[in-house]
Amino acid sequence: MTRRDLPPIQFLRECFRLDPNTGLLYWRERPEHHFATPAHARGWNRRHAGAEVYLYMDRAGYGHVEMYPNGKKAKWPAHRIVFALSTGNDPDRVDHRDCDPSNNRPNNLRAATGLQNRWNAPGWHKNTLPKGVHYERGRFYAKARPPRSKSALSLGGFATPAAAHAAWCEWARDVHGEFFNPGPLKLTVFD
């Protein structure tokens, strides 16, 4: 999905009330200028004002809010709306600290670059090896890609996936900083 700029923060504040403890959004009573006619505004407010916002979930587990600003249907990720309401900013990326796309509490969200967002990813879910580990010719290799580099950096070959993962974690902890995520340490078919 391509990034679509959020409506102005003032518009969002007129539409939503944010519960900072849960990250849930609730509809406010919206002003008449949001609607084509005063009757439409009264009907909408009668049905929705005060209710929790229904989120349309995508396959990855992210909730989206559907709205009709300027009379055209549009969807925005709920975590971006929560971040904008809590900080007043709409950065290029918003990262979930705990990697749970349904946890939209403001203290779980942070501005990030695309690279930082990928650093915080838990790793490939279909891979049988821990994050940062590759198997080649009977050895486990820890490989990393330094920022702004086109080629991978080999951190050495190891006898076990756990040793290779430990070497990758040592390197990544320094480079990734607060976005370091070791990923799940899975039991592998090689153990």
C-alpha atoms as a PDB file:
ATOM      1  CA  MET A   1       0.000   0.000   0.000  1.00  0.00           C
ATOM      2  CA  THR A   2       1.383   3.410  -0.921  1.00  0.00           C
ATOM      3  CA  ARG A   3       1.618   6.053   1.766  1.00  0.00           C
ATOM      4  CA  ARG A   4      -1.201   8.591   1.711  1.00  0.00           C
ATOM      5  CA  ASP A   5      -0.804  11.784   3.737  1.00  0.00           C
ATOM      6  CA  LEU A   6      -3.154  12.029   6.672  1.00  0.00           C
ATOM      7  CA  PRO A   7      -5.798  14.746   6.734  1.00  0.00           C
ATOM      8  CA  PRO A   8      -4.773  17.864   8.713  1.00  0.00           C
ATOM      9  CA  ILE A   9      -4.328  17.290  12.454  1.00  0.00           C
ATOM     10  CA  GLN A  10      -7.177  19.710  13.214  1.00  0.00           C
ATOM     11  CA  PHE A  11      -9.529  17.548  11.116  1.00  0.00           C
ATOM     12  CA  LEU A  12      -8.358  14.413  12.952  1.00  0.00           C
ATOM     13  CA  ARG A  13      -8.952  16.079  16.330  1.00  0.00           C
ATOM     14  CA  GLU A  14     -12.467  17.005  15.238  1.00  0.00           C
ATOM     15  CA  CYS A  15     -13.111  13.367  14.254  1.00  0.00           C
ATOM     16  CA  PHE A  16     -11.459  11.278  16.959  1.00  0.00           C
ATOM     17  CA  ARG A  17     -10.922  10.997  20.679  1.00  0.00           C
ATOM     18  CA  LEU A  18      -7.894   8.890  21.618  1.00  0.00           C
ATOM     19  CA  ASP A  19      -7.758   6.771  24.772  1.00  0.00           C
ATOM     20  CA  PRO A  20      -4.016   6.982  25.561  1.00  0.00           C
ATOM     21  CA  ASN A  21      -4.105   3.946  27.865  1.00  0.00           C
ATOM     22  CA  THR A  22      -5.501   1.546  25.252  1.00  0.00           C
ATOM     23  CA  GLY A  23      -4.714   3.237  21.921  1.00  0.00           C
ATOM     24  CA  LEU A  24      -8.367   2.936  20.899  1.00  0.00           C
ATOM     25  CA  LEU A  25     -10.055   5.630  18.819  1.00  0.00           C
ATOM     26  CA  TYR A  26     -13.592   6.883  19.435  1.00  0.00           C
ATOM     27  CA  TRP A  27     -15.703   9.036  17.140  1.00  0.00           C
ATOM     28  CA  ARG A  28     -16.408  12.550  18.339  1.00  0.00           C
ATOM     29  CA  GLU A  29     -19.538  14.448  17.447  1.00  0.00           C
ATOM     30  CA  ARG A  30     -18.363  15.824  14.146  1.00  0.00           C
ATOM     31  CA  PRO A  31     -19.136  19.363  12.955  1.00  0.00           C
ATOM     32  CA  GLU A  32     -21.516  20.027  10.079  1.00  0.00           C
ATOM     33  CA  HIS A  33     -18.745  21.218   7.754  1.00  0.00           C
ATOM     34  CA  HIS A  34     -17.492  17.583   7.563  1.00  0.00           C
ATOM     35  CA  PHE A  35     -20.685  16.599   5.729  1.00  0.00           C
ATOM     36  CA  ALA A  36     -22.570  17.515   2.581  1.00  0.00           C
ATOM     37  CA  THR A  37     -25.716  18.567   4.450  1.00  0.00           C
ATOM     38  CA  PRO A  38     -26.705  19.345   8.063  1.00  0.00           C
ATOM     39  CA  ALA A  39     -29.138  16.408   7.960  1.00  0.00           C
ATOM     40  CA  HIS A  40     -26.323  14.045   7.006  1.00  0.00           C
ATOM     41  CA  ALA A  41     -24.243  15.388   9.923  1.00  0.00           C
ATOM     42  CA  ARG A  42     -27.114  14.885  12.404  1.00  0.00           C
ATOM     43  CA  GLY A  43     -27.758  11.335  11.202  1.00  0.00           C
ATOM     44  CA  TRP A  44     -24.095  10.359  11.294  1.00  0.00           C
ATOM     45  CA  ASN A  45     -23.568  11.855  14.763  1.00  0.00           C
ATOM     46  CA  ARG A  46     -26.697  10.140  16.097  1.00  0.00           C
ATOM     47  CA  ARG A  47     -25.355   6.737  14.967  1.00  0.00           C
ATOM     48  CA  HIS A  48     -21.604   7.089  15.581  1.00  0.00           C
ATOM     49  CA  ALA A  49     -20.660   9.887  18.030  1.00  0.00           C
ATOM     50  CA  GLY A  50     -19.081   8.349  21.138  1.00  0.00           C
ATOM     51  CA  ALA A  51     -18.712   4.878  19.585  1.00  0.00           C
ATOM     52  CA  GLU A  52     -15.407   3.066  19.168  1.00  0.00           C
ATOM     53  CA  VAL A  53     -14.015   3.398  15.651  1.00  0.00           C
ATOM     54  CA  TYR A  54     -14.348   0.178  13.661  1.00  0.00           C
ATOM     55  CA  LEU A  55     -10.989  -0.847  12.210  1.00  0.00           C
ATOM     56  CA  TYR A  56     -10.678  -2.710   8.924  1.00  0.00           C
ATOM     57  CA  MET A  57      -7.908  -5.263   9.433  1.00  0.00           C
ATOM     58  CA  ASP A  58      -5.439  -6.128   6.687  1.00  0.00           C
ATOM     59  CA  ARG A  59      -3.666  -9.492   6.295  1.00  0.00           C
ATOM     60  CA  ALA A  60      -0.668  -8.323   8.316  1.00  0.00           C
ATOM     61  CA  GLY A  61      -2.872  -7.424  11.309  1.00  0.00           C
ATOM     62  CA  TYR A  62      -2.825  -3.621  10.924  1.00  0.00           C
ATOM     63  CA  GLY A  63      -6.099  -1.799  11.551  1.00  0.00           C
ATOM     64  CA  HIS A  64      -7.270   0.862   9.099  1.00  0.00           C
ATOM     65  CA  VAL A  65      -9.802   3.646   9.543  1.00  0.00           C
ATOM     66  CA  GLU A  66     -12.157   4.322   6.657  1.00  0.00           C
ATOM     67  CA  MET A  67     -13.308   7.904   6.182  1.00  0.00           C
ATOM     68  CA  TYR A  68     -14.770  10.163   3.517  1.00  0.00           C
ATOM     69  CA  PRO A  69     -12.908  13.482   3.661  1.00  0.00           C
ATOM     70  CA  ASN A  70     -13.895  15.722   0.739  1.00  0.00           C
ATOM     71  CA  GLY A  71     -16.559  13.165  -0.191  1.00  0.00           C
ATOM     72  CA  LYS A  72     -14.031  10.541  -1.345  1.00  0.00           C
ATOM     73  CA  LYS A  73     -13.525   7.221   0.423  1.00  0.00           C
ATOM     74  CA  ALA A  74     -10.045   6.709   1.891  1.00  0.00           C
ATOM     75  CA  LYS A  75      -8.374   4.423   4.447  1.00  0.00           C
ATOM     76  CA  TRP A  76      -5.499   5.259   6.781  1.00  0.00           C
ATOM     77  CA  PRO A  77      -3.579   3.013   9.170  1.00  0.00           C
ATOM     78  CA  ALA A  78      -4.924   3.491  12.689  1.00  0.00           C
ATOM     79  CA  HIS A  79      -1.423   3.578  14.199  1.00  0.00           C
ATOM     80  CA  ARG A  80      -0.555   6.638  12.097  1.00  0.00           C
ATOM     81  CA  ILE A  81      -3.705   8.419  13.271  1.00  0.00           C
ATOM     82  CA  VAL A  82      -2.934   7.524  16.910  1.00  0.00           C
ATOM     83  CA  PHE A  83       0.648   8.778  16.521  1.00  0.00           C
ATOM     84  CA  ALA A  84      -0.519  12.016  14.894  1.00  0.00           C
ATOM     85  CA  LEU A  85      -3.123  12.651  17.607  1.00  0.00           C
ATOM     86  CA  SER A  86      -0.648  11.972  20.413  1.00  0.00           C
ATOM     87  CA  THR A  87       2.344  13.895  18.990  1.00  0.00           C
ATOM     88  CA  GLY A  88       0.968  16.280  16.353  1.00  0.00           C
ATOM     89  CA  ASN A  89       3.343  14.770  13.734  1.00  0.00           C
ATOM     90  CA  ASP A  90       2.871  12.519  10.701  1.00  0.00           C
ATOM     91  CA  PRO A  91       6.308  10.999   9.958  1.00  0.00           C
ATOM     92  CA  ASP A  92       7.086   8.823   6.943  1.00  0.00           C
ATOM     93  CA  ARG A  93       7.002   5.662   9.086  1.00  0.00           C
ATOM     94  CA  VAL A  94       5.564   4.756  12.462  1.00  0.00           C
ATOM     95  CA  ASP A  95       7.108   1.730  14.167  1.00  0.00           C
ATOM     96  CA  HIS A  96       5.501  -0.546  16.770  1.00  0.00           C
ATOM     97  CA  ARG A  97       8.146  -1.104  19.470  1.00  0.00           C
ATOM     98  CA  ASP A  98       6.781  -4.563  20.347  1.00  0.00           C
ATOM     99  CA  CYS A  99       6.152  -5.591  16.683  1.00  0.00           C
ATOM    100  CA  ASP A 100       2.449  -6.142  17.471  1.00  0.00           C
ATOM    101  CA  PRO A 101       0.449  -4.299  14.781  1.00  0.00           C
ATOM    102  CA  SER A 102      -2.695  -4.344  16.931  1.00  0.00           C
ATOM    103  CA  ASN A 103      -1.020  -2.570  19.888  1.00  0.00           C
ATOM    104  CA  ASN A 104      -1.595   1.096  19.055  1.00  0.00           C
ATOM    105  CA  ARG A 105      -0.904   2.538  22.496  1.00  0.00           C
ATOM    106  CA  PRO A 106       0.949   5.846  22.039  1.00  0.00           C
ATOM    107  CA  ASN A 107       3.890   4.673  24.191  1.00  0.00           C
ATOM    108  CA  ASN A 108       4.329   1.674  21.820  1.00  0.00           C
ATOM    109  CA  LEU A 109       4.614   3.862  18.707  1.00  0.00           C
ATOM    110  CA  ARG A 110       7.649   5.805  17.514  1.00  0.00           C
ATOM    111  CA  ALA A 111       8.759   7.640  14.394  1.00  0.00           C
ATOM    112  CA  ALA A 112      11.173   5.619  12.270  1.00  0.00           C
ATOM    113  CA  THR A 113      12.843   5.489   8.911  1.00  0.00           C
ATOM    114  CA  GLY A 114      12.155   2.569   6.598  1.00  0.00           C
ATOM    115  CA  LEU A 115      15.512   1.050   7.554  1.00  0.00           C
ATOM    116  CA  GLN A 116      14.832   1.365  11.288  1.00  0.00           C
ATOM    117  CA  ASN A 117      11.415  -0.200  10.753  1.00  0.00           C
ATOM    118  CA  ARG A 118      13.049  -3.215   9.069  1.00  0.00           C
ATOM    119  CA  TRP A 119      15.642  -3.493  11.869  1.00  0.00           C
ATOM    120  CA  ASN A 120      12.801  -3.887  14.369  1.00  0.00           C
ATOM    121  CA  ALA A 121      11.119  -6.627  12.308  1.00  0.00           C
ATOM    122  CA  PRO A 122      11.049 -10.008  14.058  1.00  0.00           C
ATOM    123  CA  GLY A 123      12.654 -11.800  11.109  1.00  0.00           C
ATOM    124  CA  TRP A 124      11.437 -14.132   8.404  1.00  0.00           C
ATOM    125  CA  HIS A 125       8.635 -16.306   9.747  1.00  0.00           C
ATOM    126  CA  LYS A 126       9.287 -19.189   7.329  1.00  0.00           C
ATOM    127  CA  ASN A 127      13.031 -19.365   7.919  1.00  0.00           C
ATOM    128  CA  THR A 128      14.211 -22.244  10.081  1.00  0.00           C
ATOM    129  CA  LEU A 129      17.220 -20.265  11.302  1.00  0.00           C
ATOM    130  CA  PRO A 130      17.450 -17.333  13.731  1.00  0.00           C
ATOM    131  CA  LYS A 131      17.638 -13.776  12.451  1.00  0.00           C
ATOM    132  CA  GLY A 132      21.011 -12.923  10.860  1.00  0.00           C
ATOM    133  CA  VAL A 133      22.049 -16.582  10.343  1.00  0.00           C
ATOM    134  CA  HIS A 134      22.581 -18.428   7.053  1.00  0.00           C
ATOM    135  CA  TYR A 135      23.628 -22.018   6.397  1.00  0.00           C
ATOM    136  CA  GLU A 136      26.252 -22.754   3.742  1.00  0.00           C
ATOM    137  CA  ARG A 137      28.411 -25.818   3.135  1.00  0.00           C
ATOM    138  CA  GLY A 138      28.015 -27.353   6.601  1.00  0.00           C
ATOM    139  CA  ARG A 139      28.567 -24.124   8.628  1.00  0.00           C
ATOM    140  CA  PHE A 140      26.363 -21.422  10.094  1.00  0.00           C
ATOM    141  CA  TYR A 141      27.311 -17.910   9.070  1.00  0.00           C
ATOM    142  CA  ALA A 142      26.375 -14.680  10.772  1.00  0.00           C
ATOM    143  CA  LYS A 143      25.769 -12.069   8.088  1.00  0.00           C
ATOM    144  CA  ALA A 144      24.796  -8.439   8.441  1.00  0.00           C
ATOM    145  CA  ARG A 145      24.225  -5.499   6.147  1.00  0.00           C
ATOM    146  CA  PRO A 146      25.726  -2.230   7.426  1.00  0.00           C
ATOM    147  CA  PRO A 147      23.612   0.894   6.848  1.00  0.00           C
ATOM    148  CA  ARG A 148      24.050   2.431   3.366  1.00  0.00           C
ATOM    149  CA  SER A 149      25.955  -0.640   2.158  1.00  0.00           C
ATOM    150  CA  LYS A 150      25.016  -2.703  -0.869  1.00  0.00           C
ATOM    151  CA  SER A 151      26.847  -5.829   0.231  1.00  0.00           C
ATOM    152  CA  ALA A 152      26.519  -8.073   3.267  1.00  0.00           C
ATOM    153  CA  LEU A 153      29.228  -8.287   5.886  1.00  0.00           C
ATOM    154  CA  SER A 154      30.277 -11.767   7.057  1.00  0.00           C
ATOM    155  CA  LEU A 155      30.702 -11.955  10.825  1.00  0.00           C
ATOM    156  CA  GLY A 156      32.206 -15.444  10.675  1.00  0.00           C
ATOM    157  CA  GLY A 157      31.303 -19.111  10.432  1.00  0.00           C
ATOM    158  CA  PHE A 158      30.113 -21.095  13.455  1.00  0.00           C
ATOM    159  CA  ALA A 159      29.339 -24.689  14.389  1.00  0.00           C
ATOM    160  CA  THR A 160      25.827 -23.938  15.727  1.00  0.00           C
ATOM    161  CA  PRO A 161      23.038 -21.534  14.767  1.00  0.00           C
ATOM    162  CA  ALA A 162      22.947 -20.183  18.349  1.00  0.00           C
ATOM    163  CA  ALA A 163      26.626 -19.146  18.181  1.00  0.00           C
ATOM    164  CA  ALA A 164      26.128 -17.467  14.811  1.00  0.00           C
ATOM    165  CA  HIS A 165      23.025 -15.679  16.111  1.00  0.00           C
ATOM    166  CA  ALA A 166      24.944 -14.458  19.179  1.00  0.00           C
ATOM    167  CA  ALA A 167      27.627 -12.955  16.910  1.00  0.00           C
ATOM    168  CA  TRP A 168      24.958 -11.241  14.787  1.00  0.00           C
ATOM    169  CA  CYS A 169      23.212  -9.898  17.931  1.00  0.00           C
ATOM    170  CA  GLU A 170      26.481  -8.448  19.247  1.00  0.00           C
ATOM    171  CA  TRP A 171      27.005  -6.580  15.967  1.00  0.00           C
ATOM    172  CA  ALA A 172      23.352  -5.529  15.504  1.00  0.00           C
ATOM    173  CA  ARG A 173      22.885  -4.296  19.095  1.00  0.00           C
ATOM    174  CA  ASP A 174      25.494  -1.579  18.488  1.00  0.00           C
ATOM    175  CA  VAL A 175      24.407  -0.660  14.960  1.00  0.00           C
ATOM    176  CA  HIS A 176      20.606  -0.792  15.374  1.00  0.00           C
ATOM    177  CA  GLY A 177      20.470   0.949  18.760  1.00  0.00           C
ATOM    178  CA  GLU A 178      16.933   1.289  20.138  1.00  0.00           C
ATOM    179  CA  PHE A 179      15.559  -0.492  17.031  1.00  0.00           C
ATOM    180  CA  PHE A 180      17.543  -3.686  17.755  1.00  0.00           C
ATOM    181  CA  ASN A 181      15.312  -6.754  17.664  1.00  0.00           C
ATOM    182  CA  PRO A 182      17.006 -10.147  18.010  1.00  0.00           C
ATOM    183  CA  GLY A 183      13.977 -11.885  16.573  1.00  0.00           C
ATOM    184  CA  PRO A 184      12.638 -15.155  17.898  1.00  0.00           C
ATOM    185  CA  LEU A 185      15.333 -17.691  18.700  1.00  0.00           C
ATOM    186  CA  LYS A 186      13.681 -20.755  17.226  1.00  0.00           C
ATOM    187  CA  LEU A 187      14.632 -24.373  17.476  1.00  0.00           C
ATOM    188  CA  THR A 188      15.880 -25.303  14.057  1.00  0.00           C
ATOM    189  CA  VAL A 189      16.082 -28.473  12.044  1.00  0.00           C
ATOM    190  CA  PHE A 190      19.880 -28.232  12.549  1.00  0.00           C
ATOM    191  CA  ASP A 191      19.771 -28.425  16.391  1.00  0.00           C
END
